[in-house]
């Protein structure tokens, strides 16, 4: 029996400052699932609306689906199972296994599956990757009015599935074994993915501020990424702070500027000119409620259960200023997800990015056109790692251009090299 309160949408009931509540809201938003968030403000509301004993009841947050199913403090796996999105691989072996369902991984899935390769995509979190947290992508070819990251990811997912690619969402790869002509990926739950070729498109993890109390305020005032899922919760009298000077930070600033009192960009460098696209630079420069603090960093986080204030240090003058706020969004790039690569001998650069193609070539001066310990007569293909048949695409790759369109192009290019590898080795 359906729950009349849902009105055909998922209902999330929880208290303010709940990290689990934020995680579920963020997942629903980035997965393009319509939902309503009801904030329980007192003990009576918790009892009457959510049917729990109070605001500190361990059953919160409660998630109610349109068919009346009620999940109490659910994990993402439980939500995925309810949605029917948690699946096991249908084949014992695939032509290509793609790890990561961001723009690069989804692009690779579309091209691989459409060209007849048996294809599986493994994504540990949300389809779309970090791109799905962007409120609007305005410089992507073919969308003159822009498109949200969620919309772009959903279209790509549907396209890949229509061609027959399998998506395993909420599944994380933890290690791999690579033998001639075959790779085995082991997932956290023990599932094995066997494939003739592999494309790593795992992107990067959000970089953190490394401040005391940071973990305590995660989802309770401190958020990583552009925060599109939280914009609807910010009200007109709020002061929002965004750390970062890149396009994702600029887009977030303009998105929040429409709904809050002030937006402050905290930028470590001396200006935005070298890090921000000109169209965003122009908009920020003319927005009356957006200010930019250059040569600045967040030095302290204050609050009890939720973030209440931040302290910003000017790196030139040394001056510190305290600002009251409940909203801090961190958009300062990320670190590649490649710890697994070191364990199997795949070459990484000093920052952990996967090295591919020409960048692997021995530059010691002996004239060899192949990397050290490369087992084949041919040199590595452009996006191929030092492990034959293992390719890298998108942000995880050394030397990649950190743009959505570039990641999509690399995903398609990787499939072209997979074809060559499967045909010729």
Foldseek 3Di string as FASTA:
>chain_A
DFDVVWVQAKEKEAAALDLLSLQVLVQCQLQVGGYDYDHQDWQVCCCPVVVARGRPGQQPTWIAHGRGDIGGSDDVVVVCVVVVQADADPDPEWAEEEEAQALLRLLLLLQCLLVPTAYEYEYQAHHHPLQSQFQWDCPDPPCPVTDGSSVVRVVSVVSSVVSPYHYRYNWAFDAKDDDQQWIWTAIPVGHIYIHSFYEYAHAFDFDDPPAPCPVLANSQQEDEWLRPSCLVVEAAAFEAEEEDQAARSLSSLVSNLVGYQAYEYEELAPDNVVHYDPVSVVVLVPRPRYYYDYNKDWHHFDDDNHTFKTWMARNPVRDIDIDTHRHYYYYHGGAAPAPNCVVHVWDADPRQAGEFDQSQADPPPPPDRAHPPQDDPDHTDGQHISRQRYGYAANSHPPFDNDSNSRSVRSSVVSVVSVVSVVPD
